[in-house]
Amino acid sequence: MGNLFTSAMSCQRIAHRGGGWLAPENTLAGFQAGLRAGFRAFECDVKLSADGVPFLLHDDLLDRTTKASGRASWQVWARLAQLDASAACKPRLARQPPPEEVRLHATGSPHQRIASLQGLAALLAGQDIWLNLEIKTDADASAARQAEWGARIAQAATRLWADAAQPPCLSSFSIPALQGAMHTAPLLPRAWLCEALPLHWREPAQALALHALHLDARACTPELVHAVHIARLQLRLYTVNDAAALAQWCAAGVDGIFTDALELGPGPRPRPGSTHETTPTRPIFFFPLGGARPDAARPPARTAMTEPSRLGILCAMQAEQQMLLQQLIPTQPQRLHGKRAYHRGRLHGREVVMALSGIGKVAAATSATSLIAEFGCDVLLFTGTAGGLGQSVNIGDIVVATSFLQHDLDASPLFPRFEVPLTGRSRFPADDIWATRLLAAAHAAVDRTSHGAAGRARLQRLSIQTPRAHVGLLISGDRFVGGADQARGIRALLPDAIAVDMESAAVAQVCADYSVPFAAVRSISDRADATAHIDFERFTALVARHYSAAVLKLALQAA
């Protein structure tokens, strides 16, 4: 296995609560101070007002940071917006007092009042900033209330940063808050805050489809850094204000450091892609027969601004691929490789290679490996049909995967059920950038089909009423799930699974091994619990192939 640790060049320095100890915490003045100090990565705390407005504050009470008193979440935003938040411009960690020469005096400036999340978004608009929004729920809030706050803050973040170069990372100590955020905005990256990692930290990390862990530096060890990276998660530590300790942890390979000591500077600019949440910064490869893959052979880090040179597009069956092939402009002859036909050309202005995956996990993994290793594809997309599992997922709907899991994989007792041996994980995340494009395209395709005369006629022939687009966990296995008992058993173990197929999770595993982005979109052709039936061939001809062509066209044109 190759080197698991990054260099200090890859370690973000993140301005804690906006401006560290240069300015009042969680204020626009603090962010301005951080920007002046050269920082391009920030953290702040977000709560909800009594009338549902997200605003920046760390504590449950107003007493420490303002001259007011009482519980902040009981106040309406109009009152909170008038409060001067400069009262706490003082050391927040008594063991590490800030140098007097770097502190600002409170001036009562509007930028030192309590800030709204909308105000922060306006301040940072148009700047390539990595931002961590910590969801701060009240200490005595019920689990339902915490989940509601997580959902509403995630919804606001999605809206306010819709056009941002980097999506904000949502973090919290509260698991219910992260669950609410995941269900409302599944494509926003999430991180779990811990004072110390519990023994079984991998289970909630997988259930929440986390991108990162944020850990108290005092509870971290180099061995823990290694374990977190083996689980393909990023690790950031809080709050490190000592220059020697900061250098030590960066050298140990952590992905980010939250600091108040902004006078130490933002550090070297991270390598391209290291601040993005698209994939872990540290791809892990397992080559048991040939040893570790050399660093020079690894694909370069990718960011939202770096587009792939060649897309691989997979379908399981010929009927699902037919319309795409009709739209393909060939640039090279069809090529046979490993008993599969590979079609090379341009589709909606993009260089692509198309292939049938075949049915089942082994067949799909073979095709995916060939697209990457033989044909040089640096992004894979999968389109086709699936069975609906989620209660609200019906025939004629479209699902876009946020993560993938093999529901028939069980290597217990050596490894936990569903976990892919030697990877430390059972769920493989979809690529955020392409999943977001596919979801937007799916919504548009459903809308056009429902409201266009031709599309509406096709739906009516199959008695499909109002199709919808969904996002969530897509599971795969080498068995057809078509009975109520089978579906009930899967739902009991994987309640967040929304659809099932026989290929996608295997492709996701291959793409993870090669550090190649992967996303999948599927049309729902049947209910996996057998509560609804439809003629598959008619569905593919009338709906599925039209969905595939429309969604990919819109997604590729948006890229």
Protein backbone atom coordinates (compact mmCIF):
# COMPACT_ATOMS: atom_id res chain seq x y z
CA MET A 1 0.00 0.00 0.00
CA GLY A 2 1.28 3.47 -0.83
CA ASN A 3 1.94 6.30 1.58
CA LEU A 4 -1.26 7.06 3.49
CA PHE A 5 -0.15 10.44 4.78
CA THR A 6 -0.24 13.71 2.95
CA SER A 7 2.35 16.44 3.30
CA ALA A 8 1.83 19.72 5.10
CA MET A 9 1.15 21.23 1.68
CA SER A 10 -2.22 19.43 1.72
CA CYS A 11 -3.29 20.50 5.22
CA GLN A 12 -5.89 23.27 5.36
CA ARG A 13 -5.61 25.94 8.02
CA ILE A 14 -9.18 26.90 8.83
CA ALA A 15 -10.07 30.20 10.51
CA HIS A 16 -12.04 29.22 13.64
CA ARG A 17 -15.37 31.03 14.03
CA GLY A 18 -14.55 33.36 11.18
CA GLY A 19 -11.67 35.45 12.45
CA GLY A 20 -10.04 33.40 15.19
CA TRP A 21 -9.01 35.80 17.91
CA LEU A 22 -8.47 38.68 15.48
CA ALA A 23 -12.09 39.86 15.79
CA PRO A 24 -15.41 39.02 17.49
CA GLU A 25 -16.38 35.41 16.84
CA ASN A 26 -19.02 34.46 14.28
CA THR A 27 -19.33 38.00 12.92
CA LEU A 28 -18.85 39.42 9.45
CA ALA A 29 -16.02 41.50 10.91
CA GLY A 30 -14.33 38.26 11.88
CA PHE A 31 -14.61 36.86 8.36
CA GLN A 32 -13.28 40.13 6.94
CA ALA A 33 -10.31 39.88 9.30
CA GLY A 34 -9.70 36.30 8.19
CA LEU A 35 -9.85 37.27 4.53
CA ARG A 36 -7.38 40.11 5.13
CA ALA A 37 -5.08 37.60 6.81
CA GLY A 38 -5.12 35.54 3.62
CA PHE A 39 -7.36 32.69 4.78
CA ARG A 40 -9.56 30.89 2.27
CA ALA A 41 -11.02 28.28 4.63
CA PHE A 42 -13.40 29.20 7.44
CA GLU A 43 -15.61 27.70 10.15
CA CYS A 44 -18.60 29.19 11.96
CA ASP A 45 -21.55 28.14 14.12
CA VAL A 46 -25.16 28.30 12.91
CA LYS A 47 -28.38 28.29 14.94
CA LEU A 48 -32.06 28.98 14.17
CA SER A 49 -34.04 31.94 15.47
CA ALA A 50 -37.58 31.61 16.81
CA ASP A 51 -38.91 32.58 13.38
CA GLY A 52 -36.66 30.13 11.52
CA VAL A 53 -33.82 32.38 10.33
CA PRO A 54 -30.34 30.76 10.39
CA PHE A 55 -27.84 32.99 12.19
CA LEU A 56 -24.27 32.77 13.50
CA LEU A 57 -23.78 32.05 17.22
CA HIS A 58 -21.97 29.43 19.24
CA ASP A 59 -23.73 29.43 22.62
CA ASP A 60 -27.30 28.62 23.57
CA LEU A 61 -27.39 31.89 25.55
CA LEU A 62 -26.71 35.44 24.44
CA ASP A 63 -24.92 36.39 27.65
CA ARG A 64 -21.27 35.69 26.73
CA THR A 65 -21.10 37.27 23.29
CA THR A 66 -23.58 40.14 23.62
CA LYS A 67 -24.86 42.55 26.25
CA ALA A 68 -28.27 40.85 26.10
CA SER A 69 -29.26 37.74 28.02
CA GLY A 70 -31.49 34.73 27.57
CA ARG A 71 -31.76 31.89 25.10
CA ALA A 72 -30.91 32.99 21.57
CA SER A 73 -33.22 30.53 19.81
CA TRP A 74 -36.23 32.03 21.59
CA GLN A 75 -35.64 35.42 19.95
CA VAL A 76 -36.94 36.51 16.55
CA TRP A 77 -34.36 37.53 13.97
CA ALA A 78 -35.41 41.20 13.96
CA ARG A 79 -34.25 41.49 17.58
CA LEU A 80 -31.12 39.35 17.16
CA ALA A 81 -29.99 41.44 14.18
CA GLN A 82 -29.68 44.51 16.42
CA LEU A 83 -27.37 42.91 19.00
CA ASP A 84 -23.69 43.82 19.15
CA ALA A 85 -21.73 40.54 19.21
CA SER A 86 -18.35 42.03 20.13
CA ALA A 87 -18.57 41.37 23.87
CA ALA A 88 -16.56 38.16 23.54
CA CYS A 89 -13.59 39.61 21.69
CA LYS A 90 -11.29 37.92 24.16
CA PRO A 91 -9.47 34.57 24.51
CA ARG A 92 -11.81 31.64 24.03
CA LEU A 93 -9.26 29.13 25.23
CA ALA A 94 -7.82 30.23 28.54
CA ARG A 95 -4.83 27.91 28.15
CA GLN A 96 -3.82 29.72 24.95
CA PRO A 97 -4.33 33.50 25.31
CA PRO A 98 -4.06 35.51 22.09
CA PRO A 99 -1.28 38.05 21.69
CA GLU A 100 -2.57 41.53 22.52
CA GLU A 101 -1.18 43.04 19.33
CA VAL A 102 -3.42 40.93 17.10
CA ARG A 103 -6.72 41.66 18.86
CA LEU A 104 -9.23 44.20 17.59
CA HIS A 105 -11.19 46.44 19.90
CA ALA A 106 -14.99 46.33 19.76
CA THR A 107 -16.34 49.30 17.84
CA GLY A 108 -20.05 48.63 17.60
CA SER A 109 -19.74 48.33 13.82
CA PRO A 110 -22.70 46.75 11.99
CA HIS A 111 -20.30 44.03 10.91
CA GLN A 112 -19.86 43.10 14.58
CA ARG A 113 -23.55 42.50 15.14
CA ILE A 114 -25.01 39.00 15.09
CA ALA A 115 -24.88 37.90 11.47
CA SER A 116 -27.40 35.92 9.47
CA LEU A 117 -26.34 33.02 7.28
CA GLN A 118 -27.68 34.97 4.33
CA GLY A 119 -25.43 37.90 5.23
CA LEU A 120 -22.43 35.61 5.37
CA ALA A 121 -23.28 34.14 1.97
CA ALA A 122 -23.47 37.64 0.51
CA LEU A 123 -20.08 38.56 2.00
CA LEU A 124 -18.39 35.47 0.55
CA ALA A 125 -20.22 35.45 -2.81
CA GLY A 126 -17.96 35.08 -5.82
CA GLN A 127 -14.94 33.99 -3.78
CA ASP A 128 -13.49 30.48 -3.88
CA ILE A 129 -13.92 29.81 -0.16
CA TRP A 130 -14.11 26.50 1.69
CA LEU A 131 -16.65 26.88 4.49
CA ASN A 132 -17.64 24.66 7.41
CA LEU A 133 -21.06 25.41 8.91
CA GLU A 134 -21.38 23.81 12.33
CA ILE A 135 -25.03 23.16 13.19
CA LYS A 136 -25.41 24.18 16.85
CA THR A 137 -28.57 22.76 18.41
CA ASP A 138 -29.71 23.76 21.90
CA ALA A 139 -28.34 21.43 24.55
CA ASP A 140 -31.78 20.35 25.75
CA ALA A 141 -33.40 20.03 22.30
CA SER A 142 -35.22 16.80 21.52
CA ALA A 143 -33.90 14.53 18.78
CA ALA A 144 -36.78 15.60 16.54
CA ARG A 145 -35.97 19.27 17.13
CA GLN A 146 -32.27 18.67 16.38
CA ALA A 147 -33.16 16.90 13.13
CA GLU A 148 -35.46 19.78 12.18
CA TRP A 149 -32.68 22.32 12.75
CA GLY A 150 -30.27 20.21 10.70
CA ALA A 151 -32.77 19.98 7.85
CA ARG A 152 -33.62 23.69 7.81
CA ILE A 153 -30.02 24.85 8.00
CA ALA A 154 -29.06 22.40 5.24
CA GLN A 155 -31.92 23.68 3.11
CA ALA A 156 -30.78 27.27 3.59
CA ALA A 157 -27.15 26.37 2.82
CA THR A 158 -28.21 24.62 -0.39
CA ARG A 159 -30.11 27.70 -1.53
CA LEU A 160 -27.54 30.31 -0.50
CA TRP A 161 -24.52 28.46 -1.95
CA ALA A 162 -26.25 27.09 -5.06
CA ASP A 163 -23.76 28.84 -7.36
CA ALA A 164 -20.67 28.56 -5.18
CA ALA A 165 -17.48 26.96 -6.46
CA GLN A 166 -17.37 24.80 -3.32
CA PRO A 167 -20.42 23.60 -1.37
CA PRO A 168 -20.31 24.26 2.38
CA CYS A 169 -19.50 21.32 4.64
CA LEU A 170 -22.14 20.78 7.34
CA SER A 171 -20.88 19.49 10.69
CA SER A 172 -22.39 18.88 14.11
CA PHE A 173 -21.94 17.05 17.39
CA SER A 174 -25.60 16.07 16.97
CA ILE A 175 -26.29 12.90 15.00
CA PRO A 176 -30.01 13.77 14.62
CA ALA A 177 -29.00 17.15 13.14
CA LEU A 178 -26.73 15.40 10.64
CA GLN A 179 -29.53 12.96 9.79
CA GLY A 180 -31.87 15.87 9.11
CA ALA A 181 -29.22 17.51 6.93
CA MET A 182 -28.58 14.28 5.03
CA HIS A 183 -32.25 13.72 4.24
CA THR A 184 -32.83 17.32 3.15
CA ALA A 185 -29.57 18.02 1.30
CA PRO A 186 -27.90 14.65 0.66
CA LEU A 187 -25.36 16.11 -1.76
CA LEU A 188 -23.86 18.56 0.75
CA PRO A 189 -20.77 17.10 2.46
CA ARG A 190 -21.15 16.25 6.15
CA ALA A 191 -18.73 15.88 9.06
CA TRP A 192 -19.26 14.51 12.55
CA LEU A 193 -17.77 16.49 15.42
CA CYS A 194 -16.40 14.46 18.33
CA GLU A 195 -14.47 15.30 21.45
CA ALA A 196 -13.20 11.71 21.26
CA LEU A 197 -14.11 9.03 18.76
CA PRO A 198 -16.25 6.24 20.21
CA LEU A 199 -15.13 2.65 19.77
CA HIS A 200 -17.66 1.94 17.01
CA TRP A 201 -17.30 5.21 15.08
CA ARG A 202 -17.38 3.55 11.66
CA GLU A 203 -21.06 2.56 11.91
CA PRO A 204 -22.48 6.09 12.29
CA ALA A 205 -19.93 7.35 9.77
CA GLN A 206 -21.29 4.94 7.18
CA ALA A 207 -24.94 5.45 8.12
CA LEU A 208 -24.56 9.22 7.73
CA ALA A 209 -22.49 8.89 4.52
CA LEU A 210 -19.92 11.20 6.08
CA HIS A 211 -17.14 12.90 4.18
CA ALA A 212 -15.06 13.79 7.25
CA LEU A 213 -14.58 13.59 11.00
CA HIS A 214 -13.78 16.69 13.05
CA LEU A 215 -11.98 15.71 16.23
CA ASP A 216 -10.53 17.44 19.29
CA ALA A 217 -6.79 17.46 18.68
CA ARG A 218 -6.17 16.36 22.27
CA ALA A 219 -7.93 13.05 21.52
CA CYS A 220 -6.04 12.32 18.30
CA THR A 221 -3.08 10.06 17.63
CA PRO A 222 -1.12 9.30 14.46
CA GLU A 223 -2.65 5.80 14.53
CA LEU A 224 -6.13 7.33 14.52
CA VAL A 225 -5.22 9.52 11.54
CA HIS A 226 -4.26 6.33 9.70
CA ALA A 227 -7.49 4.53 10.71
CA VAL A 228 -9.73 7.39 9.57
CA HIS A 229 -7.99 7.56 6.21
CA ILE A 230 -8.26 3.79 5.78
CA ALA A 231 -12.04 4.34 6.15
CA ARG A 232 -11.72 6.85 3.28
CA LEU A 233 -12.73 9.82 5.41
CA GLN A 234 -11.03 13.16 5.84
CA LEU A 235 -9.86 14.16 9.32
CA ARG A 236 -9.74 17.73 10.65
CA LEU A 237 -8.65 18.70 14.15
CA TYR A 238 -9.78 21.51 16.46
CA THR A 239 -8.56 23.85 17.92
CA VAL A 240 -4.78 24.09 17.43
CA ASN A 241 -3.20 27.47 18.19
CA ASP A 242 0.40 26.49 18.75
CA ALA A 243 2.71 26.70 15.74
CA ALA A 244 4.71 23.59 16.64
CA ALA A 245 1.58 21.49 17.22
CA LEU A 246 0.04 22.74 14.00
CA ALA A 247 3.12 21.74 12.02
CA GLN A 248 3.25 18.37 13.77
CA TRP A 249 -0.35 17.47 12.89
CA CYS A 250 -0.02 18.66 9.31
CA ALA A 251 3.06 16.48 8.94
CA ALA A 252 1.09 13.55 10.37
CA GLY A 253 -1.34 13.81 7.47
CA VAL A 254 -4.49 15.43 8.85
CA ASP A 255 -6.57 17.18 6.21
CA GLY A 256 -7.32 20.37 8.11
CA ILE A 257 -6.65 22.31 11.31
CA PHE A 258 -9.11 24.73 12.92
CA THR A 259 -7.16 27.57 14.52
CA ASP A 260 -7.66 30.87 16.32
CA ALA A 261 -4.05 31.85 15.68
CA LEU A 262 -4.57 33.56 12.36
CA GLU A 263 -1.35 35.49 12.84
CA LEU A 264 0.43 32.24 11.98
CA GLY A 265 -0.88 32.70 8.45
CA PRO A 266 -3.02 30.52 6.19
CA GLY A 267 -0.13 28.21 5.37
CA PRO A 268 0.73 26.95 1.90
CA ARG A 269 -2.12 26.84 -0.56
CA PRO A 270 -3.56 23.29 -0.55
CA ARG A 271 -2.98 21.26 -3.66
CA PRO A 272 -5.83 21.47 -6.22
CA GLY A 273 -8.88 19.56 -5.08
CA SER A 274 -7.77 19.05 -1.48
CA THR A 275 -10.30 21.52 -0.11
CA HIS A 276 -13.17 20.00 -2.07
CA GLU A 277 -15.45 17.39 -0.56
CA THR A 278 -15.97 15.47 -3.80
CA THR A 279 -13.78 12.55 -2.74
CA PRO A 280 -11.38 11.90 0.11
CA THR A 281 -8.05 13.58 -0.49
CA ARG A 282 -6.26 10.31 0.00
CA PRO A 283 -7.37 7.57 -2.42
CA ILE A 284 -6.62 4.10 -1.09
CA PHE A 285 -5.78 1.27 -3.50
CA PHE A 286 -5.65 -2.45 -2.82
CA PHE A 287 -3.62 -4.57 -5.22
CA PRO A 288 -2.96 -7.82 -3.32
CA LEU A 289 -1.18 -9.48 -6.24
CA GLY A 290 0.98 -6.62 -7.41
CA GLY A 291 1.59 -4.49 -4.34
CA ALA A 292 0.73 -0.83 -3.99
CA ARG A 293 -0.06 1.20 -7.05
CA PRO A 294 2.79 3.71 -7.51
CA ASP A 295 1.98 7.34 -6.77
CA ALA A 296 2.90 8.37 -10.29
CA ALA A 297 0.12 6.18 -11.69
CA ARG A 298 -2.61 7.68 -9.53
CA PRO A 299 -5.12 9.96 -11.24
CA PRO A 300 -4.60 13.66 -10.44
CA ALA A 301 -6.79 15.36 -7.84
CA ARG A 302 -9.97 16.78 -9.35
CA THR A 303 -11.93 19.90 -8.52
CA ALA A 304 -15.25 21.34 -9.58
CA MET A 305 -13.39 23.41 -12.18
CA THR A 306 -11.49 20.46 -13.68
CA GLU A 307 -13.56 18.63 -16.26
CA PRO A 308 -12.90 15.06 -17.38
CA SER A 309 -11.40 14.43 -20.79
CA ARG A 310 -13.37 11.22 -21.43
CA LEU A 311 -16.63 9.92 -19.96
CA GLY A 312 -17.55 6.25 -19.70
CA ILE A 313 -21.28 5.53 -19.96
CA LEU A 314 -22.64 2.15 -18.90
CA CYS A 315 -26.05 0.53 -19.38
CA ALA A 316 -26.99 -2.95 -18.23
CA MET A 317 -29.11 -3.91 -21.24
CA GLN A 318 -29.18 -3.14 -24.95
CA ALA A 319 -32.73 -1.74 -24.82
CA GLU A 320 -31.54 0.83 -22.26
CA GLN A 321 -28.58 1.83 -24.43
CA GLN A 322 -30.33 2.01 -27.82
CA MET A 323 -31.37 5.67 -27.89
CA LEU A 324 -27.99 6.81 -26.57
CA LEU A 325 -26.22 5.00 -29.41
CA GLN A 326 -28.50 6.73 -31.90
CA GLN A 327 -27.34 10.10 -30.54
CA LEU A 328 -23.65 9.18 -30.46
CA ILE A 329 -21.42 10.67 -33.17
CA PRO A 330 -18.75 7.96 -33.74
CA THR A 331 -15.14 9.11 -33.87
CA GLN A 332 -13.52 5.65 -33.98
CA PRO A 333 -14.69 2.19 -35.03
CA GLN A 334 -16.47 0.00 -32.52
CA ARG A 335 -13.95 -2.05 -30.57
CA LEU A 336 -14.39 -5.47 -28.97
CA HIS A 337 -12.58 -6.00 -25.69
CA GLY A 338 -13.21 -8.87 -23.29
CA LYS A 339 -16.31 -9.94 -25.25
CA ARG A 340 -17.84 -6.46 -24.87
CA ALA A 341 -18.46 -3.88 -27.59
CA TYR A 342 -17.14 -0.38 -26.79
CA HIS A 343 -18.49 2.57 -28.80
CA ARG A 344 -16.25 5.66 -28.96
CA GLY A 345 -17.47 9.07 -30.07
CA ARG A 346 -18.97 12.37 -29.02
CA LEU A 347 -22.25 12.80 -27.20
CA HIS A 348 -23.63 16.34 -26.76
CA GLY A 349 -20.16 17.80 -27.23
CA ARG A 350 -18.34 15.44 -24.85
CA GLU A 351 -15.91 12.63 -25.67
CA VAL A 352 -17.46 9.39 -24.43
CA VAL A 353 -17.04 5.63 -24.51
CA MET A 354 -20.26 3.59 -24.23
CA ALA A 355 -20.57 -0.04 -23.23
CA LEU A 356 -23.03 -2.56 -21.91
CA SER A 357 -22.14 -3.60 -18.39
CA GLY A 358 -23.92 -6.91 -18.63
CA ILE A 359 -26.16 -8.06 -15.79
CA GLY A 360 -24.76 -8.66 -12.31
CA LYS A 361 -21.88 -7.35 -10.25
CA VAL A 362 -18.99 -9.28 -11.83
CA ALA A 363 -20.04 -8.36 -15.36
CA ALA A 364 -20.42 -4.70 -14.38
CA ALA A 365 -17.05 -4.63 -12.60
CA THR A 366 -15.35 -6.11 -15.68
CA SER A 367 -16.82 -3.45 -17.97
CA ALA A 368 -16.02 -0.63 -15.56
CA THR A 369 -12.40 -1.76 -15.22
CA SER A 370 -12.02 -1.87 -18.99
CA LEU A 371 -13.45 1.63 -19.42
CA ILE A 372 -10.93 2.99 -16.91
CA ALA A 373 -7.81 0.93 -17.57
CA GLU A 374 -8.14 0.21 -21.28
CA PHE A 375 -10.08 3.20 -22.64
CA GLY A 376 -8.81 5.92 -20.27
CA CYS A 377 -12.19 7.11 -18.95
CA ASP A 378 -11.80 9.40 -15.95
CA VAL A 379 -15.49 9.59 -15.00
CA LEU A 380 -18.07 6.78 -15.18
CA LEU A 381 -21.84 7.25 -15.37
CA PHE A 382 -24.42 4.47 -15.16
CA THR A 383 -27.96 4.76 -16.48
CA GLY A 384 -30.76 2.22 -16.77
CA THR A 385 -33.58 0.78 -14.66
CA ALA A 386 -34.00 -0.29 -11.04
CA GLY A 387 -36.61 -1.54 -8.59
CA GLY A 388 -38.13 0.89 -6.14
CA LEU A 389 -37.62 0.29 -2.40
CA GLY A 390 -38.41 3.63 -0.74
CA GLN A 391 -42.01 4.09 0.32
CA SER A 392 -42.48 7.11 -1.92
CA VAL A 393 -40.54 5.72 -4.90
CA ASN A 394 -42.95 4.56 -7.62
CA ILE A 395 -42.85 3.18 -11.15
CA GLY A 396 -41.95 5.96 -13.57
CA ASP A 397 -39.85 7.87 -11.03
CA ILE A 398 -36.13 8.59 -11.41
CA VAL A 399 -33.55 7.98 -8.68
CA VAL A 400 -30.08 9.54 -8.47
CA ALA A 401 -27.71 7.76 -6.10
CA THR A 402 -25.90 9.58 -3.32
CA SER A 403 -24.16 6.36 -2.21
CA PHE A 404 -23.93 2.67 -3.11
CA LEU A 405 -23.94 -0.57 -1.10
CA GLN A 406 -23.88 -4.30 -1.93
CA HIS A 407 -26.85 -5.75 -0.04
CA ASP A 408 -25.83 -9.38 -0.59
CA LEU A 409 -22.25 -8.98 0.71
CA ASP A 410 -21.65 -10.71 4.05
CA ALA A 411 -18.12 -11.69 5.11
CA SER A 412 -19.02 -11.92 8.79
CA PRO A 413 -17.69 -12.74 11.31
CA LEU A 414 -14.40 -11.59 9.79
CA PHE A 415 -15.92 -8.26 8.68
CA PRO A 416 -19.20 -6.50 9.48
CA ARG A 417 -22.13 -7.36 7.25
CA PHE A 418 -22.17 -5.34 3.99
CA GLU A 419 -18.56 -4.18 4.48
CA VAL A 420 -16.25 -4.75 1.52
CA PRO A 421 -13.29 -6.66 3.02
CA LEU A 422 -10.03 -4.73 3.41
CA THR A 423 -11.63 -1.35 2.61
CA GLY A 424 -13.19 -0.52 5.99
CA ARG A 425 -16.44 0.60 4.36
CA SER A 426 -19.75 -0.66 3.10
CA ARG A 427 -21.04 2.51 1.42
CA PHE A 428 -19.31 4.17 -1.49
CA PRO A 429 -20.34 7.78 -2.15
CA ALA A 430 -21.43 9.05 -5.53
CA ASP A 431 -19.41 11.89 -7.00
CA ASP A 432 -21.04 15.08 -5.70
CA ILE A 433 -20.46 17.11 -8.85
CA TRP A 434 -21.97 14.61 -11.25
CA ALA A 435 -24.73 13.51 -8.88
CA THR A 436 -25.80 17.15 -8.59
CA ARG A 437 -25.86 17.49 -12.37
CA LEU A 438 -27.82 14.27 -12.79
CA LEU A 439 -30.35 15.30 -10.14
CA ALA A 440 -30.99 18.66 -11.77
CA ALA A 441 -31.32 16.93 -15.13
CA ALA A 442 -33.66 14.30 -13.65
CA HIS A 443 -35.98 16.97 -12.24
CA ALA A 444 -36.02 18.72 -15.62
CA ALA A 445 -36.61 15.47 -17.53
CA VAL A 446 -39.52 14.47 -15.29
CA ASP A 447 -41.05 17.91 -15.62
CA ARG A 448 -40.73 17.95 -19.43
CA THR A 449 -42.10 14.42 -19.75
CA SER A 450 -45.09 15.15 -17.52
CA HIS A 451 -46.02 18.40 -19.26
CA GLY A 452 -45.11 17.60 -22.86
CA ALA A 453 -47.83 16.06 -25.01
CA ALA A 454 -45.71 13.15 -26.28
CA GLY A 455 -44.22 12.36 -22.88
CA ARG A 456 -47.55 12.57 -21.11
CA ALA A 457 -49.07 10.19 -23.68
CA ARG A 458 -46.30 7.63 -23.07
CA LEU A 459 -46.84 7.82 -19.31
CA GLN A 460 -50.60 7.44 -19.67
CA ARG A 461 -50.17 4.27 -21.74
CA LEU A 462 -48.53 2.75 -18.65
CA SER A 463 -50.94 4.39 -16.15
CA ILE A 464 -48.09 6.45 -14.65
CA GLN A 465 -49.55 9.56 -13.04
CA THR A 466 -47.03 12.01 -11.56
CA PRO A 467 -43.39 10.89 -11.79
CA ARG A 468 -40.82 12.39 -9.41
CA ALA A 469 -37.05 12.49 -8.95
CA HIS A 470 -35.45 11.13 -5.76
CA VAL A 471 -31.95 10.94 -4.27
CA GLY A 472 -30.57 8.42 -1.81
CA LEU A 473 -28.88 5.07 -1.24
CA LEU A 474 -28.86 2.71 -4.25
CA ILE A 475 -28.13 -0.91 -3.36
CA SER A 476 -27.01 -3.77 -5.62
CA GLY A 477 -26.85 -7.55 -5.42
CA ASP A 478 -26.59 -10.66 -7.55
CA ARG A 479 -30.21 -11.57 -7.09
CA PHE A 480 -33.43 -10.11 -8.42
CA VAL A 481 -35.47 -8.56 -5.61
CA GLY A 482 -39.08 -9.08 -6.59
CA GLY A 483 -40.98 -10.29 -3.54
CA ALA A 484 -42.54 -8.64 -0.53
CA ASP A 485 -40.59 -10.76 1.96
CA GLN A 486 -37.26 -10.01 0.27
CA ALA A 487 -37.98 -6.28 0.15
CA ARG A 488 -39.18 -6.24 3.76
CA GLY A 489 -35.99 -7.94 4.93
CA ILE A 490 -33.79 -5.47 3.04
CA ARG A 491 -35.73 -2.48 4.38
CA ALA A 492 -35.33 -3.75 7.93
CA LEU A 493 -31.54 -3.77 7.51
CA LEU A 494 -31.21 -0.76 5.19
CA PRO A 495 -34.15 1.56 5.85
CA ASP A 496 -32.62 4.41 3.83
CA ALA A 497 -32.29 2.39 0.61
CA ILE A 498 -34.51 3.89 -2.09
CA ALA A 499 -33.85 1.53 -5.01
CA VAL A 500 -32.14 -1.73 -5.92
CA ASP A 501 -30.31 -2.96 -9.04
CA MET A 502 -27.71 -5.62 -9.82
CA GLU A 503 -24.69 -3.57 -10.94
CA SER A 504 -24.16 -0.02 -9.63
CA ALA A 505 -22.49 -0.76 -6.27
CA ALA A 506 -19.92 -3.01 -7.95
CA VAL A 507 -19.01 -0.22 -10.36
CA ALA A 508 -18.76 2.17 -7.40
CA GLN A 509 -16.23 -0.13 -5.74
CA VAL A 510 -14.11 -0.33 -8.91
CA CYS A 511 -14.21 3.46 -9.28
CA ALA A 512 -13.16 3.89 -5.65
CA ASP A 513 -10.16 1.64 -6.23
CA TYR A 514 -9.10 3.76 -9.20
CA SER A 515 -10.12 7.09 -7.62
CA VAL A 516 -12.44 7.73 -10.58
CA PRO A 517 -15.64 9.74 -9.97
CA PHE A 518 -18.85 7.76 -10.43
CA ALA A 519 -22.55 8.60 -10.46
CA ALA A 520 -25.70 6.71 -11.41
CA VAL A 521 -29.24 7.55 -12.45
CA ARG A 522 -31.97 4.91 -12.71
CA SER A 523 -35.58 4.81 -13.87
CA ILE A 524 -37.91 2.84 -11.62
CA SER A 525 -39.38 0.00 -13.70
CA ASP A 526 -41.00 -1.97 -10.87
CA ARG A 527 -41.58 -2.06 -7.14
CA ALA A 528 -39.09 -4.44 -5.54
CA ASP A 529 -41.78 -5.51 -3.04
CA ALA A 530 -44.06 -6.69 -5.90
CA THR A 531 -46.82 -4.24 -4.92
CA ALA A 532 -46.91 -2.89 -8.49
CA HIS A 533 -46.27 -4.59 -11.80
CA ILE A 534 -45.63 -3.35 -15.31
CA ASP A 535 -44.43 -4.82 -18.58
CA PHE A 536 -40.66 -4.26 -18.48
CA GLU A 537 -40.11 -4.17 -22.24
CA ARG A 538 -42.93 -1.66 -22.74
CA PHE A 539 -41.62 0.46 -19.86
CA THR A 540 -38.11 0.49 -21.33
CA ALA A 541 -39.39 1.42 -24.79
CA LEU A 542 -41.87 4.07 -23.66
CA VAL A 543 -40.16 5.61 -20.62
CA ALA A 544 -36.72 4.38 -19.49
CA ARG A 545 -34.73 4.94 -22.68
CA HIS A 546 -36.29 8.40 -23.10
CA TYR A 547 -35.38 9.27 -19.50
CA SER A 548 -31.78 8.07 -20.00
CA ALA A 549 -31.33 10.09 -23.18
CA ALA A 550 -32.90 13.24 -21.73
CA VAL A 551 -31.08 13.13 -18.38
CA LEU A 552 -27.66 12.52 -19.91
CA LYS A 553 -28.20 15.22 -22.55
CA LEU A 554 -29.07 17.82 -19.89
CA ALA A 555 -26.26 16.72 -17.56
CA LEU A 556 -23.60 16.74 -20.27
CA GLN A 557 -24.72 20.10 -21.59
CA ALA A 558 -24.52 21.53 -18.05
CA ALA A 559 -20.96 20.23 -17.54
